[in-house]
Amino acid sequence: MTDLLALVEPIRRLAPSTAVPGLHPLSPLTDAGTGPPADLVADLTRHIPSDVDAVLRGAAGTAVVQRLTAAGVDTVELLEVSAEVDAVAHDGAAAVDRATVDILEIAEQCLQQIIGTVVTAPLSPATPAAALQIACTHLARAQARLTALGTELETLISRVAAAEAGLPDAPAAPTPPPTPAGPAGPSGLSGLSGLSGPGPSQTAPPATGTVEPVGDVAVPGAPTPQAAAAVEAATSALGTPYVWGGTSPSTGVDCSGLTQWAYGQAGVDLPRTADQQAVGAQVSADQLAPGDLVVWDGHVAMVTGDGQMIEAGDPVQINPVRTENIGMGFLGFYRPTA
């Protein structure tokens, strides 16, 4: 007798555990991830330097105020980065929760379909095989959803890296004042040497792996006009939000929905799921051309050229071509138009 729950259990095990963001050390100063409060910004950049200026006059006072002002600006930038890190942590926890709900829903749908099959033909010799096929189909759906979660989390990690790139430089070592001739005596302001502010802030570099949409420009290296048109269509969807089961940039797309839609704009029909899009001629890594598909057993992307590919993360984005995708089986590179 077929154990129905045993068929569904592999799907349930894919559901990730609940994620709980930790408390960032600077969270109390950033209004729980929304940025530093206005009164703290004013104290760091205006009020405190003004108060010091009212007490210290002359060249020494001016130098201290300048250093305090620079340090205040850098501190505000640090607090803003802290707020972004908190926001990313909460977004990551929410992404995990959404994936858990989706995978458990897939498991529930699987069980209902299996029960329906068994009830319809309980004594048929074909029933166990049909139940197993249903379980395998839903397991592939759950694995694809887990892959989508991995892509979402990779995008959040890139947000943290971009925020860290905007941190101020480390403070430069203070330059000691010239020592007058004769016995050196302690300076009356030597205790203020630690107020030296950090150097100028770095500007966060542009996110790597992004390109401008191709638009009406021909795609260099595309093997066929259809492949070129598919790449142009796919790149026009850059920035589209990820939607599980989505098949149109107007409402959101998932990985296979993006490639199916893009090739559909070029007049080429592709199957709906990622693994089924391993169609056409298989090509090697050194033969890759724009329009070729990079296929796993639960994810698919499209080569755009120059070692890059477009894929439905959250949002649709350009990344370097790869063959690994959080443990999924790599099926190869395929040219649908060959």
Protein backbone atom coordinates (compact mmCIF):
# COMPACT_ATOMS: atom_id res chain seq x y z
CA MET A 1 0.00 0.00 0.00
CA THR A 2 1.35 3.40 -1.03
CA ASP A 3 2.30 5.71 1.86
CA LEU A 4 0.82 9.00 0.65
CA LEU A 5 2.46 11.13 3.33
CA ALA A 6 5.87 9.67 2.51
CA LEU A 7 5.49 10.97 -1.06
CA VAL A 8 4.80 14.48 0.19
CA GLU A 9 7.41 14.57 2.98
CA PRO A 10 10.39 15.47 0.68
CA ILE A 11 8.47 18.59 -0.37
CA ARG A 12 7.73 19.61 3.22
CA ARG A 13 11.39 19.19 4.19
CA LEU A 14 12.35 21.84 1.61
CA ALA A 15 10.43 24.52 3.53
CA PRO A 16 13.05 26.74 5.22
CA SER A 17 12.94 27.44 8.94
CA THR A 18 11.61 30.76 10.13
CA ALA A 19 14.23 33.53 9.91
CA VAL A 20 14.48 36.10 12.69
CA PRO A 21 16.70 39.17 12.09
CA GLY A 22 19.14 39.92 14.86
CA LEU A 23 19.57 43.24 16.64
CA HIS A 24 22.23 45.42 15.01
CA PRO A 25 24.38 47.24 17.60
CA LEU A 26 23.36 50.64 16.17
CA SER A 27 19.65 49.82 15.83
CA PRO A 28 18.63 51.85 18.90
CA LEU A 29 20.09 54.96 17.21
CA THR A 30 18.41 54.40 13.84
CA ASP A 31 14.71 54.16 14.67
CA ALA A 32 14.52 50.41 13.90
CA GLY A 33 15.97 50.56 10.42
CA THR A 34 14.48 53.84 9.17
CA GLY A 35 17.63 55.95 9.50
CA PRO A 36 19.04 58.23 12.19
CA PRO A 37 16.43 60.55 13.79
CA ALA A 38 16.53 64.22 12.86
CA ASP A 39 17.47 65.40 16.34
CA LEU A 40 20.50 63.08 16.43
CA VAL A 41 21.61 64.31 13.00
CA ALA A 42 21.31 67.91 14.17
CA ASP A 43 23.34 67.21 17.32
CA LEU A 44 26.11 65.48 15.39
CA THR A 45 26.43 67.94 12.53
CA ARG A 46 25.34 71.31 13.93
CA HIS A 47 24.55 71.68 17.61
CA ILE A 48 27.60 70.00 19.15
CA PRO A 49 30.13 71.85 16.93
CA SER A 50 28.30 75.13 17.65
CA ASP A 51 28.44 74.51 21.40
CA VAL A 52 32.17 73.82 21.19
CA ASP A 53 32.67 76.96 19.11
CA ALA A 54 31.01 79.00 21.85
CA VAL A 55 33.62 77.80 24.35
CA LEU A 56 36.81 77.54 22.28
CA ARG A 57 37.92 80.56 20.30
CA GLY A 58 40.82 81.24 18.01
CA ALA A 59 42.70 78.88 15.72
CA ALA A 60 42.47 75.93 18.12
CA GLY A 61 38.70 76.31 18.46
CA THR A 62 38.26 76.55 14.70
CA ALA A 63 40.27 73.36 14.14
CA VAL A 64 38.27 71.43 16.75
CA VAL A 65 34.93 72.59 15.28
CA GLN A 66 36.00 71.56 11.77
CA ARG A 67 37.03 68.14 12.97
CA LEU A 68 33.84 67.65 14.99
CA THR A 69 31.72 68.63 11.99
CA ALA A 70 33.52 66.17 9.70
CA ALA A 71 33.25 63.42 12.32
CA GLY A 72 29.53 64.15 12.73
CA VAL A 73 28.89 63.83 9.00
CA ASP A 74 30.75 60.50 8.87
CA THR A 75 28.85 59.25 11.91
CA VAL A 76 25.53 60.07 10.25
CA GLU A 77 26.64 58.07 7.18
CA LEU A 78 27.52 55.14 9.45
CA LEU A 79 24.08 55.27 11.05
CA GLU A 80 22.41 55.34 7.63
CA VAL A 81 24.37 52.24 6.61
CA SER A 82 23.28 50.58 9.85
CA ALA A 83 19.65 51.36 9.02
CA GLU A 84 20.07 49.80 5.56
CA VAL A 85 21.58 46.65 7.10
CA ASP A 86 18.61 46.38 9.47
CA ALA A 87 16.20 46.83 6.56
CA VAL A 88 17.96 44.09 4.58
CA ALA A 89 17.74 41.72 7.55
CA HIS A 90 13.99 42.27 7.84
CA ASP A 91 13.52 41.90 4.07
CA GLY A 92 15.47 38.64 4.17
CA ALA A 93 13.30 37.27 6.99
CA ALA A 94 10.17 38.23 5.05
CA ALA A 95 11.52 36.51 1.89
CA VAL A 96 12.15 33.29 3.84
CA ASP A 97 8.64 33.43 5.34
CA ARG A 98 7.08 33.86 1.87
CA ALA A 99 9.05 30.91 0.51
CA THR A 100 7.99 28.75 3.47
CA VAL A 101 4.32 29.53 2.86
CA ASP A 102 4.66 28.82 -0.88
CA ILE A 103 6.45 25.48 -0.39
CA LEU A 104 3.97 24.28 2.24
CA GLU A 105 1.15 25.26 -0.12
CA ILE A 106 2.83 23.21 -2.89
CA ALA A 107 2.99 20.24 -0.48
CA GLU A 108 -0.71 20.65 0.33
CA GLN A 109 -1.63 20.78 -3.36
CA CYS A 110 0.49 17.67 -3.98
CA LEU A 111 -1.28 15.73 -1.24
CA GLN A 112 -4.71 16.74 -2.50
CA GLN A 113 -3.90 15.65 -6.06
CA ILE A 114 -2.47 12.32 -4.88
CA ILE A 115 -5.52 11.64 -2.72
CA GLY A 116 -7.77 12.48 -5.66
CA THR A 117 -5.88 10.02 -7.87
CA VAL A 118 -6.02 7.24 -5.29
CA VAL A 119 -9.72 7.76 -4.57
CA THR A 120 -10.56 7.72 -8.29
CA ALA A 121 -8.81 4.41 -8.99
CA PRO A 122 -7.73 2.80 -5.70
CA LEU A 123 -7.20 -0.69 -7.16
CA SER A 124 -5.60 0.26 -10.47
CA PRO A 125 -2.00 -0.99 -10.90
CA ALA A 126 -1.19 2.39 -12.47
CA THR A 127 -2.24 4.40 -9.40
CA PRO A 128 1.08 4.16 -7.45
CA ALA A 129 3.04 5.30 -10.51
CA ALA A 130 0.63 8.18 -11.10
CA ALA A 131 0.94 9.25 -7.45
CA LEU A 132 4.74 9.15 -7.70
CA GLN A 133 4.66 11.30 -10.85
CA ILE A 134 2.48 13.87 -9.08
CA ALA A 135 4.93 13.95 -6.15
CA CYS A 136 7.92 14.42 -8.49
CA THR A 137 6.22 17.27 -10.34
CA HIS A 138 5.44 19.16 -7.13
CA LEU A 139 8.91 18.46 -5.74
CA ALA A 140 10.38 20.19 -8.81
CA ARG A 141 8.08 23.17 -8.15
CA ALA A 142 9.24 23.35 -4.54
CA GLN A 143 12.91 23.15 -5.57
CA ALA A 144 12.37 25.96 -8.08
CA ARG A 145 10.78 28.09 -5.35
CA LEU A 146 13.77 27.44 -3.12
CA THR A 147 16.04 28.52 -5.98
CA ALA A 148 14.05 31.73 -6.32
CA LEU A 149 14.53 32.35 -2.60
CA GLY A 150 18.29 31.93 -3.05
CA THR A 151 18.25 34.53 -5.82
CA GLU A 152 16.29 36.95 -3.60
CA LEU A 153 18.78 36.51 -0.75
CA GLU A 154 21.74 37.03 -3.12
CA THR A 155 20.18 40.36 -4.15
CA LEU A 156 19.85 41.37 -0.48
CA ILE A 157 23.49 40.46 0.12
CA SER A 158 24.48 42.77 -2.74
CA ARG A 159 22.54 45.57 -1.00
CA VAL A 160 24.63 45.06 2.13
CA ALA A 161 27.85 45.14 0.08
CA ALA A 162 26.75 48.36 -1.64
CA ALA A 163 25.93 49.93 1.73
CA GLU A 164 29.30 48.92 3.20
CA ALA A 165 31.06 50.47 0.19
CA GLY A 166 29.64 53.83 1.25
CA LEU A 167 31.26 53.75 4.70
CA PRO A 168 33.74 56.54 5.49
CA ASP A 169 37.46 55.86 5.28
CA ALA A 170 39.27 55.02 8.49
CA PRO A 171 40.59 58.11 10.30
CA ALA A 172 44.05 59.21 9.25
CA ALA A 173 46.72 59.30 11.91
CA PRO A 174 46.91 62.82 13.36
CA THR A 175 49.98 64.84 12.40
CA PRO A 176 51.91 65.88 15.51
CA PRO A 177 52.47 69.61 15.89
CA PRO A 178 56.02 70.96 15.34
CA THR A 179 58.17 70.64 18.43
CA PRO A 180 59.63 73.98 19.52
CA ALA A 181 63.36 74.23 20.34
CA GLY A 182 64.26 73.40 23.89
CA PRO A 183 62.56 71.01 26.33
CA ALA A 184 59.24 69.74 25.07
CA GLY A 185 56.31 70.61 27.24
CA PRO A 186 52.76 69.18 27.17
CA SER A 187 50.37 70.96 24.82
CA GLY A 188 47.27 72.41 26.38
CA LEU A 189 45.17 70.90 23.59
CA SER A 190 46.94 67.54 23.33
CA GLY A 191 43.91 65.77 24.76
CA LEU A 192 41.91 66.84 21.70
CA SER A 193 44.09 64.96 19.20
CA GLY A 194 41.59 62.09 19.17
CA LEU A 195 39.01 64.40 17.53
CA SER A 196 40.68 64.07 14.16
CA GLY A 197 37.87 63.27 11.71
CA PRO A 198 37.94 60.56 9.09
CA GLY A 199 38.90 61.34 5.53
CA PRO A 200 36.35 62.08 2.82
CA SER A 201 33.57 59.55 2.38
CA GLN A 202 33.73 57.05 -0.44
CA THR A 203 30.99 56.99 -2.99
CA ALA A 204 29.34 53.60 -3.34
CA PRO A 205 30.37 52.00 -6.64
CA PRO A 206 27.67 51.15 -9.15
CA ALA A 207 26.16 47.69 -8.75
CA THR A 208 28.13 45.15 -10.75
CA GLY A 209 26.58 43.03 -13.44
CA THR A 210 24.06 45.55 -14.78
CA VAL A 211 23.80 46.87 -18.31
CA GLU A 212 21.57 49.26 -20.15
CA PRO A 213 18.66 47.71 -22.07
CA VAL A 214 19.61 46.85 -25.65
CA GLY A 215 16.47 48.41 -27.17
CA ASP A 216 16.49 48.55 -30.99
CA VAL A 217 20.27 48.08 -31.29
CA ALA A 218 21.44 44.80 -32.87
CA VAL A 219 22.89 42.24 -30.47
CA PRO A 220 26.52 41.50 -31.45
CA GLY A 221 27.29 37.80 -31.72
CA ALA A 222 23.68 36.58 -31.70
CA PRO A 223 23.49 33.40 -33.83
CA THR A 224 20.04 34.19 -35.28
CA PRO A 225 17.69 37.18 -35.56
CA GLN A 226 15.31 35.38 -33.18
CA ALA A 227 18.05 35.04 -30.55
CA ALA A 228 18.89 38.74 -30.89
CA ALA A 229 15.22 39.69 -30.53
CA ALA A 230 14.88 37.47 -27.46
CA VAL A 231 17.87 39.16 -25.80
CA GLU A 232 16.45 42.61 -26.59
CA ALA A 233 13.08 41.60 -25.12
CA ALA A 234 14.65 40.11 -21.99
CA THR A 235 16.84 43.15 -21.31
CA SER A 236 13.81 45.41 -21.70
CA ALA A 237 12.46 43.65 -18.59
CA LEU A 238 15.43 44.60 -16.36
CA GLY A 239 14.14 45.70 -12.96
CA THR A 240 10.88 43.72 -13.21
CA PRO A 241 9.88 42.30 -9.79
CA TYR A 242 10.04 38.54 -9.23
CA VAL A 243 6.60 36.91 -9.09
CA TRP A 244 6.26 33.16 -8.58
CA GLY A 245 4.51 31.79 -11.70
CA GLY A 246 4.70 35.18 -13.46
CA THR A 247 4.94 35.20 -17.25
CA SER A 248 4.81 38.90 -18.21
CA PRO A 249 6.93 41.93 -17.25
CA SER A 250 3.71 43.92 -16.79
CA THR A 251 2.77 41.77 -13.79
CA GLY A 252 6.10 40.18 -12.79
CA VAL A 253 8.02 37.10 -13.91
CA ASP A 254 9.78 34.05 -12.57
CA CYS A 255 12.91 32.56 -14.19
CA SER A 256 11.28 30.39 -16.86
CA GLY A 257 8.50 32.93 -17.34
CA LEU A 258 11.09 35.55 -18.34
CA THR A 259 12.84 33.35 -20.93
CA GLN A 260 9.55 31.99 -22.30
CA TRP A 261 8.16 35.51 -22.67
CA ALA A 262 11.36 36.88 -24.25
CA TYR A 263 11.55 34.13 -26.86
CA GLY A 264 7.81 34.46 -27.41
CA GLN A 265 8.41 38.08 -28.44
CA ALA A 266 10.83 36.69 -31.03
CA GLY A 267 8.26 34.19 -32.35
CA VAL A 268 9.82 31.13 -30.69
CA ASP A 269 7.73 28.96 -28.35
CA LEU A 270 9.47 27.54 -25.26
CA PRO A 271 8.07 25.10 -22.68
CA ARG A 272 6.91 26.61 -19.39
CA THR A 273 9.23 25.10 -16.76
CA ALA A 274 12.98 25.62 -16.43
CA ASP A 275 14.17 22.04 -17.01
CA GLN A 276 11.87 21.65 -20.03
CA GLN A 277 13.60 24.62 -21.70
CA ALA A 278 16.69 22.50 -22.36
CA VAL A 279 15.72 22.51 -26.04
CA GLY A 280 17.56 23.00 -29.31
CA ALA A 281 21.25 22.28 -29.73
CA GLN A 282 23.44 21.88 -26.65
CA VAL A 283 26.55 24.08 -26.81
CA SER A 284 29.78 24.20 -24.83
CA ALA A 285 30.88 27.06 -22.61
CA ASP A 286 33.34 28.33 -25.22
CA GLN A 287 30.58 28.48 -27.84
CA LEU A 288 28.14 30.60 -25.84
CA ALA A 289 26.33 33.33 -27.75
CA PRO A 290 23.58 35.84 -26.90
CA GLY A 291 20.23 34.10 -26.59
CA ASP A 292 21.61 30.77 -25.38
CA LEU A 293 19.90 29.39 -22.28
CA VAL A 294 21.69 28.37 -19.08
CA VAL A 295 19.54 25.55 -17.67
CA TRP A 296 19.38 23.86 -14.27
CA ASP A 297 16.75 21.39 -13.08
CA GLY A 298 14.93 24.24 -11.34
CA HIS A 299 16.26 27.49 -12.82
CA VAL A 300 17.02 29.04 -16.22
CA ALA A 301 18.76 32.19 -17.46
CA MET A 302 19.62 33.73 -20.85
CA VAL A 303 23.10 34.64 -22.09
CA THR A 304 23.40 38.30 -23.13
CA GLY A 305 27.05 38.28 -24.23
CA ASP A 306 30.43 39.22 -22.76
CA GLY A 307 30.18 36.49 -20.11
CA GLN A 308 26.90 37.85 -18.72
CA MET A 309 23.40 36.44 -18.43
CA ILE A 310 19.99 37.83 -17.52
CA GLU A 311 17.79 36.04 -14.99
CA ALA A 312 14.69 36.63 -12.93
CA GLY A 313 15.97 37.41 -9.47
CA ASP A 314 14.14 40.04 -7.50
CA PRO A 315 14.23 42.06 -9.65
CA VAL A 316 15.24 40.83 -13.13
CA GLN A 317 19.00 41.44 -13.29
CA ILE A 318 22.26 40.80 -15.18
CA ASN A 319 24.87 38.53 -13.57
CA PRO A 320 28.02 36.69 -14.72
CA VAL A 321 27.40 33.33 -16.41
CA ARG A 322 27.73 30.48 -13.92
CA THR A 323 27.03 26.75 -13.75
CA GLU A 324 26.27 26.48 -10.02
CA ASN A 325 22.97 27.51 -8.45
CA ILE A 326 22.65 26.64 -4.73
CA GLY A 327 23.07 22.92 -5.26
CA MET A 328 20.75 22.46 -8.25
CA GLY A 329 21.62 20.05 -11.04
CA PHE A 330 23.15 21.85 -14.03
CA LEU A 331 21.66 20.57 -17.30
CA GLY A 332 23.87 22.57 -19.68
CA PHE A 333 23.84 25.40 -22.22
CA TYR A 334 21.21 25.23 -24.97
CA ARG A 335 20.53 27.19 -28.18
CA PRO A 336 16.74 27.09 -28.80
CA THR A 337 17.04 28.49 -32.33
CA ALA A 338 19.57 25.92 -33.58
